[in-house]
Amino acid sequence: MQLRPHTGLKIDGFPLGEKLHTGGFATIWDVTHPDHDLPMVMKVPTILDGYDGPTIVGFEVEQMIMPRLSGPHVPRVLGSGGFEVMPYIVVEKIDGGSFLQVFQKAPLPLSDVIEIAARMVHAVADLHRQHVIHLDLKPENFLQRKTGEMVLVDYGLSRHDLLPDLLAEEFKIPMGTFPYIAPEQYLRCRDDPRSDLFALGAMLYVLATGKMPWGTPETLRGVRKRLWRDPVPPRAIRPEIPEWLQEIILRALVVDPMRRYQTAAQMAFDLGHPQQVKLTDRAHKMKQDGWLQVFDRWRVMRKLRKFEAPKSMAAQMAAVPVIVTAVDLSPEGERLADALRNAIKRMLVTEPEARIACVNILKTARIGIDQTTDDQGNNLHVARLVALKAWAEAIDLPDHRLTCAVLEGPDPGQAIIDYATTNKVDHILMGARGHSTTRRYLGSVSAQVVAEAHCSVTVIRVQ
């Protein structure tokens, strides 16, 4: 006989306290355990006496996926139980509360929209790196730590790229939250990470305008219209929205996934480098497409059965990598800088869609900057940036795919690592000078980056 959750019930050492939330598919309970001194909650699926197939399978999916996840953007799993007695999963209690309360205040000040958007996209990028597509992104499924990180919850509709898709095997209807569901999800595709980017675009639209891009449809028939009907441009609702932000939002909401952002890391990079965003006609739109354009799309889309999907999560992310190259601009580093530039050009042959970020490190004192100007009175940061851009010109990439930045800090290696982490970099390319006694005993910047970076690293050395 299966147990029903109630205050005072004790299962596997977890006594249930207060019921914190009742949802459509589960209840959330405050729990404790003698082996864990952190705040915890228990999620128990609501299984009634009728047909509860989606609830049961969705909870199995959560129990499969969540223990495989790690990092600040997912809740830590501390216990789980099967359906033999009472199904449950226990996770850490996120101390910062639900993002829904913030969302309900939309439209927000634009500075807040941009800051929140960056945190949301970074969380999704981290999830995708762990081979998981969420497929039900909405404000309720974002929590916030007091330290600022967004935490993604509720993986009942998710897809792990390396695990069986139980939901696809058992159910043939589109699943998701209708105001945010991507067109390909409507067409029953569950293996495209770009679906999460569409949902992000819909949420950013609401944060910026206070309105849903396609209203709040309650039926699949209502969802279907987004295959051919474009949303009102955000700047038509709120003219102070910058063109670059409208470009990002509308690009995320493109119907065809191939014309959308291809990875969350790519979207995060644009949010962090607005001056590098390539503006298209989307950025300048002030009204919806006319009826003739909509009719032409309707004639094509009403017959569509599926979009082209990537072969795998890894293949999709690898197709548009962000590559950082750390350049030494000193006279003695000239040969090495030339070798790095040639290495980038070779990499672009095999990674034609890559985005290149060139950085130079201006080493500072532990407290304050040693020197802010050179002997001629020129600002060192500005002078380095000008030199870095001159060095990068020969790479010959358009502005929206080539960025230059001068990083400041007392530890050059840590500055590179922090930049790579913040910008979800896929690969670091850097040089190493010849051997010396100092490097042998104190270590080198390249060795530090290789040891501590969360991405692959290539080190170039010249003889």
Protein backbone atom coordinates (compact mmCIF):
# COMPACT_ATOMS: atom_id res chain seq x y z
CA MET A 1 0.00 0.00 0.00
CA GLN A 2 1.40 3.39 -0.99
CA LEU A 3 1.83 6.11 1.61
CA ARG A 4 0.33 9.56 1.18
CA PRO A 5 2.44 12.52 2.32
CA HIS A 6 1.33 14.35 5.46
CA THR A 7 2.92 16.40 8.20
CA GLY A 8 4.62 14.10 10.72
CA LEU A 9 5.19 11.23 8.26
CA LYS A 10 8.75 9.89 8.41
CA ILE A 11 10.22 8.10 5.41
CA ASP A 12 13.83 6.96 4.99
CA GLY A 13 14.86 9.20 7.87
CA PHE A 14 13.13 12.32 6.48
CA PRO A 15 10.32 13.62 8.75
CA LEU A 16 7.84 15.76 6.82
CA GLY A 17 7.14 19.21 8.24
CA GLU A 18 4.93 21.93 6.79
CA LYS A 19 3.48 21.61 3.28
CA LEU A 20 4.98 24.56 1.39
CA HIS A 21 3.26 24.32 -1.98
CA THR A 22 0.54 22.44 -3.82
CA GLY A 23 0.93 22.31 -7.60
CA GLY A 24 -0.92 20.58 -10.38
CA PHE A 25 1.40 17.58 -10.38
CA ALA A 26 3.21 17.57 -7.02
CA THR A 27 3.33 18.86 -3.46
CA ILE A 28 6.41 20.38 -1.78
CA TRP A 29 7.20 19.69 1.88
CA ASP A 30 9.68 21.06 4.38
CA VAL A 31 11.88 18.16 5.61
CA THR A 32 14.91 17.54 7.81
CA HIS A 33 17.39 14.69 8.25
CA PRO A 34 19.97 13.99 10.96
CA ASP A 35 22.73 13.54 8.36
CA HIS A 36 22.13 16.89 6.65
CA ASP A 37 22.23 20.28 8.35
CA LEU A 38 21.10 22.38 5.38
CA PRO A 39 17.48 23.43 4.62
CA MET A 40 15.74 20.86 2.41
CA VAL A 41 12.44 20.27 0.64
CA MET A 42 10.77 17.08 -0.53
CA LYS A 43 8.81 16.91 -3.78
CA VAL A 44 6.11 14.23 -3.92
CA PRO A 45 4.13 13.63 -7.16
CA THR A 46 0.36 13.84 -6.85
CA ILE A 47 -0.84 10.40 -7.90
CA LEU A 48 -4.60 10.03 -7.87
CA ASP A 49 -6.75 7.00 -8.50
CA GLY A 50 -7.32 7.92 -12.16
CA TYR A 51 -4.94 8.04 -15.13
CA ASP A 52 -1.70 9.61 -13.99
CA GLY A 53 0.66 8.38 -16.70
CA PRO A 54 2.32 11.73 -17.50
CA THR A 55 2.81 12.52 -13.80
CA ILE A 56 4.41 9.14 -13.09
CA VAL A 57 6.68 9.16 -16.14
CA GLY A 58 7.62 12.82 -15.60
CA PHE A 59 8.68 12.05 -12.04
CA GLU A 60 10.75 9.11 -13.24
CA VAL A 61 12.45 11.51 -15.66
CA GLU A 62 13.27 13.90 -12.80
CA GLN A 63 14.71 11.08 -10.70
CA MET A 64 16.84 10.01 -13.66
CA ILE A 65 18.15 13.45 -14.60
CA MET A 66 18.55 15.47 -11.41
CA PRO A 67 21.18 13.31 -9.63
CA ARG A 68 23.36 13.66 -12.74
CA LEU A 69 23.41 17.46 -12.52
CA SER A 70 25.85 19.62 -10.60
CA GLY A 71 26.84 23.24 -10.13
CA PRO A 72 25.19 26.38 -8.73
CA HIS A 73 22.38 26.49 -11.32
CA VAL A 74 20.70 23.25 -10.22
CA PRO A 75 19.46 22.11 -6.80
CA ARG A 76 21.58 19.52 -5.00
CA VAL A 77 19.79 16.15 -4.66
CA LEU A 78 19.94 14.62 -1.18
CA GLY A 79 17.61 11.63 -1.43
CA SER A 80 14.91 9.90 -3.45
CA GLY A 81 12.40 7.13 -3.10
CA GLY A 82 10.65 4.85 -5.55
CA PHE A 83 7.00 4.12 -6.20
CA GLU A 84 6.98 0.98 -4.04
CA VAL A 85 6.16 2.97 -0.87
CA MET A 86 6.01 6.69 -1.72
CA PRO A 87 7.85 8.37 -4.60
CA TYR A 88 9.81 11.46 -3.61
CA ILE A 89 12.92 13.46 -4.29
CA VAL A 90 14.67 15.62 -1.67
CA VAL A 91 16.73 18.63 -2.73
CA GLU A 92 18.36 21.60 -1.05
CA LYS A 93 16.01 24.49 -0.35
CA ILE A 94 17.01 27.49 -2.48
CA ASP A 95 17.30 30.47 -0.17
CA GLY A 96 16.56 33.33 -2.56
CA GLY A 97 12.96 32.50 -3.49
CA SER A 98 11.07 32.22 -6.77
CA PHE A 99 11.71 34.39 -9.81
CA LEU A 100 7.94 34.51 -10.41
CA GLN A 101 7.57 37.35 -7.90
CA VAL A 102 10.00 39.46 -9.94
CA PHE A 103 8.37 38.46 -13.22
CA GLN A 104 4.95 39.63 -12.02
CA LYS A 105 6.32 43.19 -11.68
CA ALA A 106 7.09 43.46 -15.42
CA PRO A 107 7.87 45.63 -17.26
CA LEU A 108 11.07 46.15 -15.32
CA PRO A 109 13.68 48.89 -15.64
CA LEU A 110 15.84 48.08 -18.65
CA SER A 111 18.98 47.77 -16.55
CA ASP A 112 17.22 45.08 -14.49
CA VAL A 113 15.97 43.31 -17.63
CA ILE A 114 19.49 43.05 -19.02
CA GLU A 115 21.00 41.90 -15.72
CA ILE A 116 18.30 39.29 -15.09
CA ALA A 117 18.44 38.10 -18.69
CA ALA A 118 22.17 37.44 -18.39
CA ARG A 119 21.69 35.37 -15.23
CA MET A 120 18.86 33.34 -16.79
CA VAL A 121 20.80 32.60 -19.97
CA HIS A 122 23.93 31.59 -18.01
CA ALA A 123 21.85 29.06 -16.05
CA VAL A 124 20.46 27.54 -19.25
CA ALA A 125 23.91 27.44 -20.84
CA ASP A 126 25.21 25.52 -17.82
CA LEU A 127 22.32 23.05 -18.07
CA HIS A 128 22.95 22.48 -21.79
CA ARG A 129 26.62 21.80 -21.09
CA GLN A 130 25.40 18.91 -18.93
CA HIS A 131 23.47 17.42 -21.89
CA VAL A 132 20.01 18.45 -20.63
CA ILE A 133 17.29 20.39 -22.47
CA HIS A 134 14.74 21.70 -19.96
CA LEU A 135 11.73 22.04 -22.32
CA ASP A 136 9.53 23.74 -19.72
CA LEU A 137 11.27 27.03 -18.99
CA LYS A 138 8.94 29.53 -17.35
CA PRO A 139 9.20 32.02 -14.48
CA GLU A 140 8.01 29.47 -11.90
CA ASN A 141 10.90 27.18 -12.77
CA PHE A 142 13.59 29.76 -12.03
CA LEU A 143 14.63 30.18 -8.41
CA GLN A 144 17.33 32.57 -7.21
CA ARG A 145 20.13 32.01 -4.73
CA LYS A 146 20.97 34.86 -2.39
CA THR A 147 24.36 34.87 -4.11
CA GLY A 148 22.63 35.78 -7.39
CA GLU A 149 22.71 32.57 -9.44
CA MET A 150 19.50 31.44 -11.11
CA VAL A 151 18.53 27.85 -10.26
CA LEU A 152 16.47 25.75 -12.66
CA VAL A 153 13.91 23.35 -11.17
CA ASP A 154 11.16 20.98 -12.36
CA TYR A 155 12.70 18.53 -14.83
CA GLY A 156 9.58 16.46 -15.44
CA LEU A 157 9.45 17.36 -19.15
CA SER A 158 13.20 17.50 -19.69
CA ARG A 159 15.36 15.52 -22.10
CA HIS A 160 18.85 14.20 -21.34
CA ASP A 161 20.85 13.81 -24.52
CA LEU A 162 22.51 10.61 -23.26
CA LEU A 163 19.48 8.91 -21.67
CA PRO A 164 16.28 7.34 -23.04
CA ASP A 165 13.47 9.83 -23.58
CA LEU A 166 10.66 8.16 -21.63
CA LEU A 167 8.13 10.87 -22.43
CA ALA A 168 8.66 10.60 -26.19
CA GLU A 169 8.37 6.82 -25.97
CA GLU A 170 5.02 6.86 -24.14
CA PHE A 171 3.22 10.05 -25.20
CA LYS A 172 2.62 11.57 -28.62
CA ILE A 173 1.14 14.96 -27.70
CA PRO A 174 3.17 18.19 -27.38
CA MET A 175 4.13 18.99 -23.79
CA GLY A 176 5.12 22.30 -22.27
CA THR A 177 3.69 25.58 -20.96
CA PHE A 178 1.79 27.13 -23.85
CA PRO A 179 2.87 30.81 -23.60
CA TYR A 180 6.54 29.74 -23.82
CA ILE A 181 6.50 26.56 -25.92
CA ALA A 182 8.67 26.64 -29.05
CA PRO A 183 7.18 25.92 -32.51
CA GLU A 184 9.23 22.73 -32.85
CA GLN A 185 7.84 21.48 -29.52
CA TYR A 186 4.36 21.96 -30.95
CA LEU A 187 5.54 19.72 -33.82
CA ARG A 188 6.55 17.08 -31.20
CA CYS A 189 10.31 17.66 -31.34
CA ARG A 190 11.99 17.07 -27.97
CA ASP A 191 15.66 16.96 -28.91
CA ASP A 192 16.52 20.57 -29.79
CA PRO A 193 18.25 22.80 -27.18
CA ARG A 194 17.16 25.83 -29.20
CA SER A 195 13.65 25.25 -27.81
CA ASP A 196 14.91 26.55 -24.47
CA LEU A 197 16.26 29.67 -26.18
CA PHE A 198 12.80 30.37 -27.61
CA ALA A 199 11.31 30.17 -24.10
CA LEU A 200 14.03 32.52 -22.84
CA GLY A 201 13.17 34.96 -25.61
CA ALA A 202 9.49 34.86 -24.61
CA MET A 203 10.37 35.59 -20.98
CA LEU A 204 12.71 38.45 -21.91
CA TYR A 205 9.90 39.88 -24.06
CA VAL A 206 7.61 39.93 -21.01
CA LEU A 207 10.27 41.40 -18.69
CA ALA A 208 10.89 44.22 -21.17
CA THR A 209 7.30 44.96 -22.23
CA GLY A 210 4.98 43.54 -19.56
CA LYS A 211 3.10 41.61 -22.27
CA MET A 212 3.19 38.02 -23.57
CA PRO A 213 4.45 37.79 -27.18
CA TRP A 214 1.52 35.56 -28.19
CA GLY A 215 -0.89 36.12 -25.32
CA THR A 216 -1.84 33.19 -23.08
CA PRO A 217 -3.20 30.44 -25.34
CA GLU A 218 -4.96 27.60 -23.52
CA THR A 219 -5.13 25.16 -26.42
CA LEU A 220 -2.67 23.69 -28.92
CA ARG A 221 -4.67 25.41 -31.67
CA GLY A 222 -3.67 28.72 -30.10
CA VAL A 223 -0.02 27.65 -29.91
CA ARG A 224 -0.02 26.69 -33.60
CA LYS A 225 -0.50 30.33 -34.70
CA ARG A 226 3.07 31.24 -33.74
CA LEU A 227 4.27 29.19 -36.70
CA TRP A 228 3.26 32.08 -38.97
CA ARG A 229 2.24 35.07 -36.78
CA ASP A 230 5.08 37.29 -35.52
CA PRO A 231 4.79 39.14 -32.18
CA VAL A 232 4.43 42.90 -31.85
CA PRO A 233 8.01 44.27 -31.79
CA PRO A 234 9.03 45.16 -28.21
CA ARG A 235 10.01 48.72 -29.20
CA ALA A 236 6.48 49.31 -30.53
CA ILE A 237 5.26 48.73 -26.97
CA ARG A 238 8.16 50.41 -25.18
CA PRO A 239 10.17 52.74 -27.45
CA GLU A 240 13.08 53.18 -25.00
CA ILE A 241 14.09 49.54 -25.47
CA PRO A 242 17.45 49.69 -27.30
CA GLU A 243 17.60 48.24 -30.78
CA TRP A 244 20.27 45.74 -29.78
CA LEU A 245 18.01 44.28 -27.06
CA GLN A 246 15.08 43.99 -29.49
CA GLU A 247 17.45 42.21 -31.89
CA ILE A 248 18.33 39.65 -29.19
CA ILE A 249 14.72 39.07 -28.13
CA LEU A 250 13.31 38.71 -31.64
CA ARG A 251 16.20 36.53 -32.78
CA ALA A 252 15.47 34.15 -29.91
CA LEU A 253 11.80 34.07 -31.02
CA VAL A 254 12.40 33.23 -34.68
CA VAL A 255 10.15 30.35 -35.77
CA ASP A 256 12.81 28.34 -37.60
CA PRO A 257 15.39 27.08 -35.05
CA MET A 258 18.14 27.32 -37.69
CA ARG A 259 17.70 31.12 -37.76
CA ARG A 260 17.53 31.47 -33.98
CA TYR A 261 20.47 31.69 -31.59
CA GLN A 262 22.16 28.32 -31.89
CA THR A 263 23.42 28.04 -28.30
CA ALA A 264 22.70 29.69 -24.95
CA ALA A 265 26.39 30.64 -24.74
CA GLN A 266 26.03 32.59 -27.99
CA MET A 267 23.01 34.45 -26.58
CA ALA A 268 24.84 35.12 -23.31
CA PHE A 269 27.78 36.58 -25.19
CA ASP A 270 25.53 39.07 -27.02
CA LEU A 271 23.90 40.15 -23.75
CA GLY A 272 27.33 40.79 -22.30
CA HIS A 273 28.64 42.63 -25.38
CA PRO A 274 25.75 44.80 -26.68
CA GLN A 275 28.08 46.91 -28.83
CA GLN A 276 28.95 43.75 -30.79
CA VAL A 277 25.34 42.71 -31.55
CA LYS A 278 24.77 42.66 -35.30
CA LEU A 279 21.62 44.68 -36.00
CA THR A 280 19.31 43.38 -38.71
CA ASP A 281 15.87 44.52 -39.86
CA ARG A 282 14.52 42.91 -36.67
CA ALA A 283 16.20 45.60 -34.56
CA HIS A 284 14.36 48.43 -36.36
CA LYS A 285 10.86 46.89 -36.61
CA MET A 286 8.06 48.97 -35.12
CA LYS A 287 5.03 46.95 -36.24
CA GLN A 288 4.00 43.37 -36.99
CA ASP A 289 4.33 41.95 -40.49
CA GLY A 290 1.52 42.72 -42.89
CA TRP A 291 -1.27 40.31 -43.71
CA LEU A 292 0.30 39.31 -47.04
CA GLN A 293 3.56 38.21 -45.42
CA VAL A 294 1.64 36.36 -42.73
CA PHE A 295 -0.55 34.65 -45.34
CA ASP A 296 2.50 33.53 -47.31
CA ARG A 297 4.03 32.02 -44.16
CA TRP A 298 0.73 30.36 -43.26
CA ARG A 299 0.61 28.62 -46.65
CA VAL A 300 4.05 27.11 -45.99
CA MET A 301 3.88 26.46 -42.26
CA ARG A 302 0.46 24.81 -42.15
CA LYS A 303 1.97 21.88 -44.08
CA LEU A 304 5.17 21.70 -42.01
CA ARG A 305 5.72 18.53 -39.99
CA LYS A 306 9.15 19.14 -38.49
CA PHE A 307 12.19 21.41 -38.47
CA GLU A 308 15.76 20.28 -38.96
CA ALA A 309 17.21 19.30 -35.58
CA PRO A 310 20.85 18.85 -34.56
CA LYS A 311 22.21 15.32 -34.34
CA SER A 312 23.00 15.74 -30.66
CA MET A 313 23.37 18.36 -27.94
CA ALA A 314 27.14 18.12 -28.16
CA ALA A 315 27.07 18.57 -31.94
CA GLN A 316 24.86 21.65 -31.64
CA MET A 317 27.05 23.32 -29.04
CA ALA A 318 30.23 22.46 -30.92
CA ALA A 319 28.91 24.07 -34.11
CA VAL A 320 29.07 27.62 -32.71
CA PRO A 321 31.86 27.70 -30.11
CA VAL A 322 33.14 30.78 -28.30
CA ILE A 323 36.95 30.79 -28.50
CA VAL A 324 39.13 33.09 -26.41
CA THR A 325 42.69 33.88 -27.41
CA ALA A 326 44.95 35.51 -24.83
CA VAL A 327 47.50 37.70 -26.62
CA ASP A 328 50.84 39.02 -25.32
CA LEU A 329 51.41 42.39 -27.01
CA SER A 330 54.91 43.01 -25.68
CA PRO A 331 57.75 43.34 -28.25
CA GLU A 332 59.32 40.06 -27.10
CA GLY A 333 55.97 38.32 -27.61
CA GLU A 334 55.57 39.37 -31.25
CA ARG A 335 56.47 35.97 -32.77
CA LEU A 336 54.15 34.22 -30.36
CA ALA A 337 51.32 36.65 -31.15
CA ASP A 338 51.78 35.94 -34.88
CA ALA A 339 51.64 32.20 -34.18
CA LEU A 340 48.41 32.64 -32.20
CA ARG A 341 46.77 34.59 -35.01
CA ASN A 342 47.72 31.88 -37.53
CA ALA A 343 46.33 29.23 -35.17
CA ILE A 344 43.01 31.09 -35.00
CA LYS A 345 42.77 31.21 -38.77
CA ARG A 346 43.36 27.44 -38.92
CA MET A 347 40.68 26.84 -36.29
CA LEU A 348 38.17 28.91 -38.26
CA VAL A 349 38.57 26.51 -41.19
CA THR A 350 37.14 23.68 -39.07
CA GLU A 351 34.87 25.91 -36.92
CA PRO A 352 33.49 28.39 -39.48
CA GLU A 353 30.75 29.72 -37.16
CA ALA A 354 33.01 30.29 -34.13
CA ARG A 355 33.04 33.59 -32.27
CA ILE A 356 36.52 34.84 -31.37
CA ALA A 357 37.21 36.90 -28.24
CA CYS A 358 40.70 38.41 -28.10
CA VAL A 359 41.95 39.44 -24.67
CA ASN A 360 45.06 41.04 -23.26
CA ILE A 361 45.84 41.23 -19.55
CA LEU A 362 46.92 44.47 -17.88
CA LYS A 363 48.55 43.31 -14.68
CA THR A 364 47.70 45.46 -11.66
CA ALA A 365 48.94 45.63 -8.09
CA ARG A 366 47.08 43.74 -5.37
CA ILE A 367 45.76 47.08 -4.11
CA GLY A 368 45.22 49.65 -6.85
CA ILE A 369 46.93 49.85 -10.22
CA ASP A 370 50.74 50.17 -10.36
CA GLN A 371 50.65 52.62 -13.24
CA THR A 372 47.74 53.94 -15.28
CA THR A 373 49.67 55.75 -18.02
CA ASP A 374 52.76 55.08 -20.10
CA ASP A 375 55.82 57.36 -20.42
CA GLN A 376 54.02 59.52 -22.99
CA GLY A 377 50.98 60.00 -20.74
CA ASN A 378 48.71 57.64 -22.70
CA ASN A 379 46.14 55.62 -20.79
CA LEU A 380 47.53 52.07 -20.60
CA HIS A 381 44.15 50.35 -20.87
CA VAL A 382 43.17 52.35 -23.94
CA ALA A 383 46.59 51.90 -25.54
CA ARG A 384 46.41 48.13 -25.02
CA LEU A 385 42.90 47.98 -26.48
CA VAL A 386 43.95 49.91 -29.59
CA ALA A 387 46.95 47.59 -30.07
CA LEU A 388 44.80 44.49 -29.54
CA LYS A 389 42.26 45.62 -32.14
CA ALA A 390 45.06 46.31 -34.60
CA TRP A 391 46.44 42.82 -34.00
CA ALA A 392 42.98 41.28 -34.51
CA GLU A 393 42.22 43.03 -37.81
CA ALA A 394 44.09 40.37 -39.80
CA ILE A 395 41.72 37.67 -38.48
CA ASP A 396 39.18 39.20 -40.86
CA LEU A 397 35.88 38.47 -39.11
CA PRO A 398 32.78 40.72 -38.95
CA ASP A 399 32.39 42.80 -35.80
CA HIS A 400 29.59 40.66 -34.32
CA ARG A 401 31.92 37.63 -34.30
CA LEU A 402 35.13 39.28 -33.13
CA THR A 403 35.53 41.07 -29.80
CA CYS A 404 38.55 42.61 -28.06
CA ALA A 405 38.89 43.24 -24.33
CA VAL A 406 41.67 44.27 -21.97
CA LEU A 407 41.37 42.51 -18.61
CA GLU A 408 42.80 44.02 -15.45
CA GLY A 409 43.95 42.10 -12.38
CA PRO A 410 46.92 41.11 -10.24
CA ASP A 411 46.77 37.48 -11.43
CA PRO A 412 46.78 37.16 -15.26
CA GLY A 413 45.92 33.47 -15.22
CA GLN A 414 42.93 34.01 -12.95
CA ALA A 415 41.76 36.92 -15.10
CA ILE A 416 41.66 34.63 -18.15
CA ILE A 417 39.89 31.87 -16.21
CA ASP A 418 37.28 34.28 -14.82
CA TYR A 419 36.60 35.76 -18.27
CA ALA A 420 36.18 32.28 -19.77
CA THR A 421 33.82 31.21 -17.00
CA THR A 422 31.67 34.36 -17.16
CA ASN A 423 31.33 34.21 -20.96
CA LYS A 424 30.73 30.43 -21.19
CA VAL A 425 33.81 30.01 -23.35
CA ASP A 426 34.27 26.68 -25.13
CA HIS A 427 38.00 26.88 -25.81
CA ILE A 428 41.01 28.97 -24.77
CA LEU A 429 43.96 29.52 -27.11
CA MET A 430 47.04 31.06 -25.57
CA GLY A 431 50.79 31.19 -25.86
CA ALA A 432 53.63 30.12 -23.60
CA ARG A 433 57.09 31.63 -23.73
CA GLY A 434 60.25 29.58 -23.58
CA HIS A 435 61.36 27.85 -20.41
CA SER A 436 62.98 29.86 -17.62
CA THR A 437 64.05 29.24 -14.07
CA THR A 438 61.28 31.51 -12.75
CA ARG A 439 58.57 29.60 -14.62
CA ARG A 440 60.03 26.26 -13.61
CA TYR A 441 59.76 27.00 -9.91
CA LEU A 442 56.84 29.43 -9.69
CA GLY A 443 54.69 27.99 -12.45
CA SER A 444 53.34 29.73 -15.57
CA VAL A 445 50.12 31.45 -16.58
CA SER A 446 49.43 28.82 -19.24
CA ALA A 447 49.91 25.97 -16.75
CA GLN A 448 47.47 27.63 -14.35
CA VAL A 449 44.84 28.09 -17.07
CA VAL A 450 45.22 24.48 -18.27
CA ALA A 451 44.81 23.20 -14.71
CA GLU A 452 41.87 25.36 -13.62
CA ALA A 453 39.80 26.36 -16.67
CA HIS A 454 36.43 24.68 -17.15
CA CYS A 455 36.93 24.33 -20.91
CA SER A 456 39.52 22.94 -23.28
CA VAL A 457 42.81 24.83 -23.65
CA THR A 458 45.41 24.89 -26.44
CA VAL A 459 48.86 26.27 -25.63
CA ILE A 460 51.07 27.50 -28.48
CA ARG A 461 54.86 27.67 -28.08
CA VAL A 462 57.39 28.97 -30.60
CA GLN A 463 61.00 27.86 -30.79
